[in-house]
Protein backbone atom coordinates (compact mmCIF):
# COMPACT_ATOMS: atom_id res chain seq x y z
CA MET A 1 9.85 -22.61 -11.08
CA ARG A 2 12.20 -20.14 -12.77
CA ALA A 3 11.48 -21.62 -16.21
CA LEU A 4 7.76 -21.33 -15.57
CA LEU A 5 8.00 -17.71 -14.47
CA ILE A 6 10.07 -16.81 -17.53
CA SER A 7 7.61 -18.49 -19.85
CA ALA A 8 4.85 -16.32 -18.42
CA LEU A 9 6.47 -13.27 -19.95
CA LEU A 10 4.87 -14.33 -23.22
CA ILE A 11 1.38 -14.10 -21.84
CA GLY A 12 -0.47 -10.95 -22.81
CA ALA A 13 -2.66 -9.06 -20.38
CA ALA A 14 -4.67 -5.90 -20.20
CA ALA A 15 -3.22 -2.62 -19.02
CA VAL A 16 -4.73 -0.68 -16.14
CA ALA A 17 -5.89 2.85 -15.59
CA VAL A 18 -6.16 5.22 -12.66
CA VAL A 19 -8.57 7.90 -11.51
CA SER A 20 -8.09 11.58 -12.18
CA ARG A 21 -6.87 13.58 -9.21
CA PRO A 22 -9.47 16.10 -7.98
CA SER A 23 -8.73 19.14 -5.89
CA THR A 24 -9.01 18.53 -2.16
CA ALA A 25 -12.23 20.54 -2.03
CA GLN A 26 -14.07 18.33 -4.52
CA PRO A 27 -15.28 14.71 -4.42
CA ALA A 28 -13.16 12.07 -6.11
CA THR A 29 -13.82 11.62 -9.81
CA ALA A 30 -13.52 8.72 -12.20
CA PRO A 31 -10.76 8.40 -14.79
CA SER A 32 -11.29 9.47 -18.37
CA ALA A 33 -12.77 7.04 -20.86
CA ALA A 34 -9.38 6.59 -22.52
CA ALA A 35 -7.66 5.82 -19.23
CA ALA A 36 -10.37 3.33 -18.27
CA ALA A 37 -10.38 1.51 -21.57
CA THR A 38 -8.59 -1.56 -20.22
CA SER A 39 -8.16 -3.24 -16.87
CA SER A 40 -7.24 -6.47 -15.16
CA THR A 41 -10.77 -7.92 -15.37
CA ALA A 42 -10.08 -10.58 -18.00
CA ALA A 43 -6.93 -11.81 -16.24
CA ALA A 44 -8.67 -11.99 -12.87
CA GLN A 45 -11.67 -13.82 -14.33
CA ALA A 46 -9.42 -16.39 -16.04
CA LEU A 47 -7.58 -17.09 -12.81
CA ALA A 48 -10.79 -17.31 -10.78
CA ALA A 49 -12.32 -19.76 -13.27
CA SER A 50 -9.34 -22.09 -13.02
CA LEU A 51 -9.19 -22.28 -9.22
CA MET A 52 -10.94 -24.86 -7.10
CA GLY A 53 -10.75 -26.40 -3.65
CA PRO A 54 -8.29 -24.99 -1.08
CA ALA A 55 -6.52 -22.83 -3.65
CA ARG A 56 -9.79 -21.08 -4.52
CA ASP A 57 -10.71 -20.65 -0.85
CA LYS A 58 -7.37 -18.93 -0.24
CA ALA A 59 -7.36 -16.74 -3.34
CA MET A 60 -11.00 -15.60 -3.59
CA LEU A 61 -11.88 -13.31 -0.69
CA PRO A 62 -14.69 -10.80 -0.03
CA LEU A 63 -14.10 -7.17 -0.98
CA ASP A 64 -14.37 -6.09 2.64
CA HIS A 65 -11.82 -8.66 3.85
CA GLU A 66 -9.51 -7.11 6.42
CA ALA A 67 -6.42 -8.26 4.51
CA ARG A 68 -7.21 -6.08 1.49
CA THR A 69 -5.47 -3.04 3.00
CA GLN A 70 -2.81 -4.98 4.92
CA LEU A 71 0.16 -4.28 2.69
CA ASN A 72 3.39 -6.08 3.66
CA TYR A 73 6.84 -6.26 2.06
CA VAL A 74 8.63 -8.68 4.39
CA PRO A 75 8.81 -12.49 3.99
CA MET A 76 5.69 -13.91 5.65
CA VAL A 77 2.57 -15.97 5.00
CA ARG A 78 -0.04 -13.73 3.41
CA ALA A 79 -3.71 -13.76 2.51
CA GLY A 80 -4.07 -15.36 -0.91
CA VAL A 81 -2.63 -18.38 -2.63
CA ALA A 82 1.12 -18.81 -3.16
CA LEU A 83 2.59 -19.52 -6.59
CA GLU A 84 4.02 -22.77 -5.28
CA GLU A 85 0.48 -24.01 -4.51
CA LEU A 86 -0.75 -23.53 -8.08
CA THR A 87 -0.58 -25.65 -11.20
CA ASP A 88 1.61 -24.46 -14.06
CA ARG A 89 -1.41 -23.03 -15.87
CA GLN A 90 -2.66 -21.26 -12.75
CA LYS A 91 0.80 -19.81 -12.05
CA ALA A 92 0.87 -18.38 -15.54
CA GLN A 93 -2.58 -16.85 -14.97
CA ALA A 94 -1.50 -15.31 -11.66
CA LEU A 95 1.51 -13.76 -13.38
CA SER A 96 -0.74 -12.52 -16.18
CA LEU A 97 -2.80 -10.72 -13.54
CA LEU A 98 0.38 -9.17 -12.15
CA ARG A 99 1.38 -8.10 -15.65
CA SER A 100 -1.96 -6.35 -16.16
CA GLY A 101 -1.13 -3.93 -13.35
CA LEU A 102 2.29 -2.87 -14.61
CA SER A 103 4.08 -1.56 -17.67
CA GLU A 104 6.34 -3.93 -19.60
CA SER A 105 9.39 -2.48 -17.83
CA GLY A 106 7.57 -2.51 -14.51
CA TYR A 107 6.63 -6.15 -14.99
CA ALA A 108 10.21 -7.03 -15.93
CA THR A 109 11.44 -5.38 -12.74
CA ALA A 110 8.82 -7.21 -10.68
CA ARG A 111 9.93 -10.49 -12.19
CA THR A 112 13.55 -9.69 -11.38
CA ILE A 113 12.56 -8.94 -7.78
CA ILE A 114 10.90 -12.36 -7.57
CA ASP A 115 13.96 -14.09 -9.02
CA HIS A 116 16.17 -12.10 -6.64
CA GLU A 117 15.02 -14.47 -3.89
CA ASP A 118 17.32 -17.11 -5.38
CA ILE A 119 20.29 -14.77 -5.07
CA LEU A 120 19.39 -13.75 -1.52
CA ARG A 121 18.97 -17.40 -0.53
CA GLU A 122 22.50 -18.17 -1.67
CA ILE A 123 23.88 -15.12 0.13
CA GLU A 124 22.18 -16.18 3.35
CA LYS A 125 23.08 -19.85 3.03
CA GLY A 126 24.09 -21.26 6.38
CA GLN A 127 21.88 -18.91 8.41
CA GLY A 128 19.43 -21.67 9.30
CA VAL A 129 16.81 -23.82 7.60
CA ALA A 130 13.91 -21.50 8.45
CA ASN A 131 15.66 -18.50 6.91
CA TYR A 132 16.68 -20.55 3.87
CA MET A 133 13.16 -21.80 3.22
CA ARG A 134 11.51 -18.36 3.30
CA ARG A 135 13.65 -17.07 0.40
CA GLN A 136 11.71 -18.74 -2.40
CA PRO A 137 10.27 -17.38 -5.68
CA GLY A 138 7.22 -19.56 -5.05
CA LEU A 139 6.24 -17.56 -1.96
CA TYR A 140 4.44 -14.77 -3.79
CA TYR A 141 0.72 -14.64 -3.15
CA THR A 142 -2.28 -13.69 -5.29
CA ALA A 143 -5.57 -12.61 -3.73
CA VAL A 144 -8.76 -11.44 -5.48
CA PHE A 145 -11.14 -9.43 -3.31
CA GLY A 146 -14.73 -9.60 -4.50
CA THR A 147 -16.06 -10.92 -7.81
CA PRO A 148 -14.15 -9.81 -10.93
CA GLY A 149 -16.36 -8.07 -13.48
CA ALA A 150 -16.04 -5.16 -15.88
CA ASP A 151 -18.75 -3.12 -14.13
CA GLY A 152 -18.22 -4.34 -10.58
CA TRP A 153 -16.20 -3.10 -7.63
CA TRP A 154 -13.48 -5.49 -6.56
CA GLY A 155 -9.73 -5.66 -6.09
CA TRP A 156 -6.64 -7.82 -6.31
CA ARG A 157 -3.14 -7.99 -4.94
CA PHE A 158 0.07 -9.76 -5.96
CA GLU A 159 2.50 -9.66 -3.08
CA GLY A 160 5.61 -11.24 -1.59
CA HIS A 161 8.99 -10.21 -0.26
CA HIS A 162 9.85 -6.77 -1.67
CA LEU A 163 6.89 -6.65 -4.04
CA SER A 164 3.35 -5.43 -3.45
CA VAL A 165 1.01 -4.54 -6.32
CA ASN A 166 -2.45 -3.47 -5.14
CA ALA A 167 -5.30 -2.78 -7.56
CA THR A 168 -8.91 -1.74 -7.01
CA HIS A 169 -11.39 -2.05 -9.88
CA THR A 170 -13.78 0.91 -9.63
CA GLY A 171 -16.65 -0.24 -11.80
CA LYS A 172 -16.80 1.09 -15.34
CA ALA A 173 -14.04 3.55 -14.46
CA GLY A 174 -11.43 0.80 -14.43
CA ASP A 175 -8.50 0.13 -12.14
CA VAL A 176 -6.65 2.15 -9.53
CA VAL A 177 -3.17 0.69 -8.88
CA ALA A 178 -1.87 1.94 -5.55
CA PRO A 179 0.06 1.43 -3.34
CA LEU A 180 2.93 0.01 -5.39
CA PHE A 181 6.05 -1.24 -3.59
CA PHE A 182 9.34 -2.41 -5.12
CA GLY A 183 12.34 -3.44 -3.00
CA SER A 184 15.74 -5.06 -3.40
CA ASN A 185 18.06 -6.94 -1.03
CA PRO A 186 20.88 -6.70 -1.80
CA ALA A 187 20.50 -3.38 -3.54
CA LYS A 188 23.78 -4.19 -5.26
CA VAL A 189 24.95 -7.78 -5.57
CA LEU A 190 28.55 -7.77 -4.40
CA THR A 191 29.76 -11.27 -5.26
CA GLY A 192 28.99 -14.29 -7.43
CA PRO A 193 27.77 -14.61 -11.02
CA HIS A 194 25.34 -11.69 -10.60
CA ALA A 195 27.90 -9.29 -9.07
CA GLY A 196 27.08 -5.69 -9.93
CA LEU A 197 23.34 -6.25 -10.42
CA ARG A 198 21.30 -3.28 -9.16
CA ILE A 199 17.58 -3.86 -9.67
CA LEU A 200 16.59 -0.35 -8.52
CA LYS A 201 19.61 1.48 -9.94
CA ALA A 202 17.74 4.47 -11.38
CA GLU A 203 15.84 5.07 -8.14
CA GLU A 204 19.14 5.88 -6.42
CA ASP A 205 21.16 7.37 -9.25
CA GLU A 206 18.58 9.90 -10.46
CA ALA A 207 18.01 11.12 -6.89
CA ARG A 208 21.77 11.58 -6.39
CA ALA A 209 21.91 13.46 -9.69
CA LEU A 210 19.28 15.83 -8.31
CA MET A 211 21.14 16.30 -5.03
CA ALA A 212 24.29 17.18 -6.98
CA LEU A 213 22.45 20.14 -8.56
CA PHE A 214 21.51 21.81 -5.28
CA THR A 215 23.56 24.62 -3.79
CA ALA A 216 24.83 24.37 -0.22
CA GLN A 217 22.07 26.75 0.84
CA GLN A 218 19.41 24.60 -0.83
CA LYS A 219 20.83 21.40 0.67
CA ALA A 220 20.39 22.93 4.11
CA VAL A 221 16.65 22.91 3.36
CA VAL A 222 16.51 19.63 1.43
CA VAL A 223 18.24 17.54 4.14
CA ILE A 224 15.66 17.20 6.89
CA ALA A 225 17.56 14.81 9.19
CA PRO A 226 21.17 13.66 9.61
CA GLU A 227 20.05 10.03 9.94
CA THR A 228 17.36 7.84 8.40
CA THR A 229 14.57 6.10 10.30
CA ASN A 230 15.88 2.79 8.87
CA ASP A 231 12.85 2.37 6.59
CA ILE A 232 10.32 4.36 4.60
CA VAL A 233 8.38 6.58 7.00
CA THR A 234 4.87 5.37 6.14
CA THR A 235 5.99 1.71 6.26
CA ASN A 236 2.93 -0.46 5.51
CA LYS A 237 0.25 1.80 6.96
CA PRO A 238 -3.14 1.59 5.20
CA ARG A 239 -3.20 5.37 4.73
CA ALA A 240 -0.23 7.35 3.40
CA GLU A 241 -0.04 10.15 5.91
CA ILE A 242 2.95 12.39 6.63
CA ALA A 243 2.07 15.35 8.84
CA LYS A 244 3.60 18.09 6.70
CA PHE A 245 5.53 18.81 3.55
CA GLU A 246 9.26 18.99 4.27
CA GLY A 247 12.36 19.71 2.26
CA LEU A 248 12.67 22.02 -0.73
CA ALA A 249 9.57 23.05 -2.68
CA VAL A 250 9.67 22.84 -6.47
CA SER A 251 8.83 26.54 -6.52
CA ALA A 252 12.29 27.20 -5.05
CA MET A 253 14.14 25.09 -7.64
CA THR A 254 15.88 26.17 -10.84
CA ALA A 255 14.64 24.97 -14.22
CA ARG A 256 17.41 22.37 -14.38
CA GLN A 257 16.59 21.09 -10.90
CA LYS A 258 12.90 20.86 -11.76
CA ALA A 259 13.71 18.86 -14.89
CA GLN A 260 15.84 16.40 -12.90
CA LEU A 261 13.12 15.98 -10.27
CA ARG A 262 10.69 15.21 -13.09
CA THR A 263 13.14 12.58 -14.38
CA LEU A 264 13.17 10.99 -10.93
CA ILE A 265 9.36 10.99 -10.73
CA GLU A 266 9.22 9.40 -14.19
CA VAL A 267 11.35 6.50 -12.90
CA TYR A 268 8.49 5.59 -10.57
CA ALA A 269 5.65 6.51 -12.94
CA ALA A 270 7.18 4.22 -15.57
CA ARG A 271 6.23 1.23 -13.41
CA PHE A 272 2.59 1.78 -14.41
CA PRO A 273 0.89 0.97 -17.71
CA ALA A 274 0.89 3.84 -20.20
CA ALA A 275 -2.64 5.05 -19.41
CA GLN A 276 -2.02 5.24 -15.69
CA ARG A 277 1.39 6.85 -16.11
CA THR A 278 -0.18 9.57 -18.27
CA SER A 279 -3.05 10.06 -15.84
CA GLN A 280 -0.84 10.26 -12.77
CA LEU A 281 1.51 12.82 -14.33
CA ALA A 282 -1.45 14.86 -15.56
CA ARG A 283 -2.84 14.91 -12.03
CA LEU A 284 0.53 16.05 -10.77
CA ASP A 285 0.61 18.92 -13.25
CA LYS A 286 -3.01 19.91 -12.64
CA GLY A 287 -2.57 19.91 -8.87
CA GLY A 288 0.42 22.23 -9.10
CA VAL A 289 3.94 20.88 -9.41
CA ASP A 290 5.25 23.84 -7.42
CA LYS A 291 3.54 22.37 -4.34
CA VAL A 292 5.69 19.24 -4.50
CA HIS A 293 8.59 18.97 -2.03
CA PHE A 294 11.81 16.95 -2.21
CA ALA A 295 13.40 15.87 1.07
CA TRP A 296 16.51 13.85 1.93
CA ALA A 297 17.70 12.24 5.17
CA GLY A 298 20.94 10.52 6.09
CA SER A 299 24.33 10.62 4.41
CA LEU A 300 25.12 12.04 0.98
CA GLU A 301 28.02 9.61 0.62
CA VAL A 302 27.50 6.63 -1.70
CA GLY A 303 27.27 3.41 0.29
CA LYS A 304 25.97 5.11 3.44
CA LYS A 305 22.42 5.08 4.83
CA HIS A 306 20.14 7.46 2.97
CA TYR A 307 16.45 8.22 2.40
CA TYR A 308 14.41 10.59 0.25
CA ARG A 309 10.82 11.39 -0.58
CA VAL A 310 8.86 13.30 -3.18
CA HIS A 311 5.73 14.60 -1.50
CA GLY A 312 2.86 16.52 -3.07
CA PRO A 313 -0.96 16.67 -2.90
CA SER A 314 -1.41 13.85 -5.42
CA LEU A 315 1.57 11.60 -4.77
CA LEU A 316 4.01 10.37 -2.16
CA ILE A 317 7.16 8.62 -3.30
CA GLU A 318 9.40 7.18 -0.59
CA TYR A 319 12.80 5.52 -0.92
CA ASP A 320 15.07 4.16 1.80
CA ASN A 321 18.44 2.41 1.65
CA SER A 322 19.45 1.87 5.28
CA GLN A 323 19.28 -1.78 6.22
CA ASN A 324 22.06 -4.33 5.69
CA ASP A 325 24.76 -1.65 5.81
CA ALA A 326 22.92 0.53 3.29
CA ASN A 327 22.55 -2.23 0.72
CA HIS A 328 18.80 -2.89 1.00
CA ILE A 329 16.26 -0.69 -0.81
CA HIS A 330 12.59 -0.10 -0.07
CA SER A 331 10.65 2.13 -2.49
CA MET A 332 6.97 2.99 -2.64
CA TRP A 333 4.55 5.01 -4.77
CA ARG A 334 1.45 5.99 -2.82
CA ASP A 335 -1.63 7.92 -3.84
CA PRO A 336 -2.82 9.95 -0.81
CA GLU A 337 -6.46 9.89 -1.95
CA HIS A 338 -6.77 6.68 -3.92
CA ASP A 339 -4.66 4.03 -2.18
CA PHE A 340 -6.72 0.80 -2.13
CA GLY A 341 -9.49 2.61 -4.02
CA GLY A 342 -9.64 5.37 -1.40
CA ASP A 343 -12.33 7.99 -1.79
CA LEU A 344 -13.84 6.35 -4.88
CA LEU A 345 -14.53 3.12 -3.03
CA ARG A 346 -15.82 4.90 0.07
CA GLN A 347 -18.26 6.93 -2.04
CA HIS A 348 -19.42 3.77 -3.81
CA LEU A 349 -20.01 1.86 -0.57
CA ALA A 350 -21.91 4.82 0.88
CA SER A 351 -24.21 5.10 -2.14
CA VAL A 352 -24.96 1.42 -2.84
CA LYS A 353 -26.79 -0.96 -0.52
CA HIS A 354 -24.64 -4.07 0.18
């Protein structure tokens, strides 16, 4: 399995794009022509053409299937077909679809998350057969919702433990990739041949670098709770809703603090293909960076439970490291308007007879 997954790195795939962020008073708009130039259509069509029988029945689902917005990041049986159920060629095609929704570095991180199951399985050895069997790189599922086509409306997801990549193809406008979840358990491998490995190192380190720049008075505003909720606040909810902006607004930060926050945001934006990264950051700037808030909960001490979020009109980034004695990271990029296609898909369904 590992050799197969590694070989798939050589398979090229299209990049994806995302919609432009409108103001809250205007209807959702399509991405620019440049941003929509490429998408996951070819990769999805190739996979669909190769599937047959039970594998096809599991993987090819209607666009309105209830599972399309049921994001999960725990080990469980999901809608879709698992890698272990596919032929070598089909596995490579499923991974090519995954690659089309991420940047090269994002794809490499996703692959490392998949391979991390082998490390976690060894760590948990002796905790029972059921637990042992669920930690497998083959238990990552691909689902295509609707019929893939350049001008059609459809979606796809690649998902398993600590990885959820959700894309919605919005007709000629291309792909919206959101929500996007990356996780890691252990956050830092403590023993064995991989000791010291930290898959999501920058997600923690850049946030701590930002915290180190705040004055005591600012920290009193930034830290919104002495303890974490033991997970990201929005968990796997279909809509990314947090009642209010909390923490310190960018408008109250110094130039150096603003630059470090931007560095942290870039860590997450870099998971996307170049066109989407550019589009998302442009939306952030257009919507008003000063409206973005940074909030922290839990301990400031390394190795203790901690949480943070970056929350603005066009994005919600959440990070939590609480479980397993603060050695278990969950991190999510969500698009408040365009998760799972959001307003674009709702407008399409309202305007077209199905």
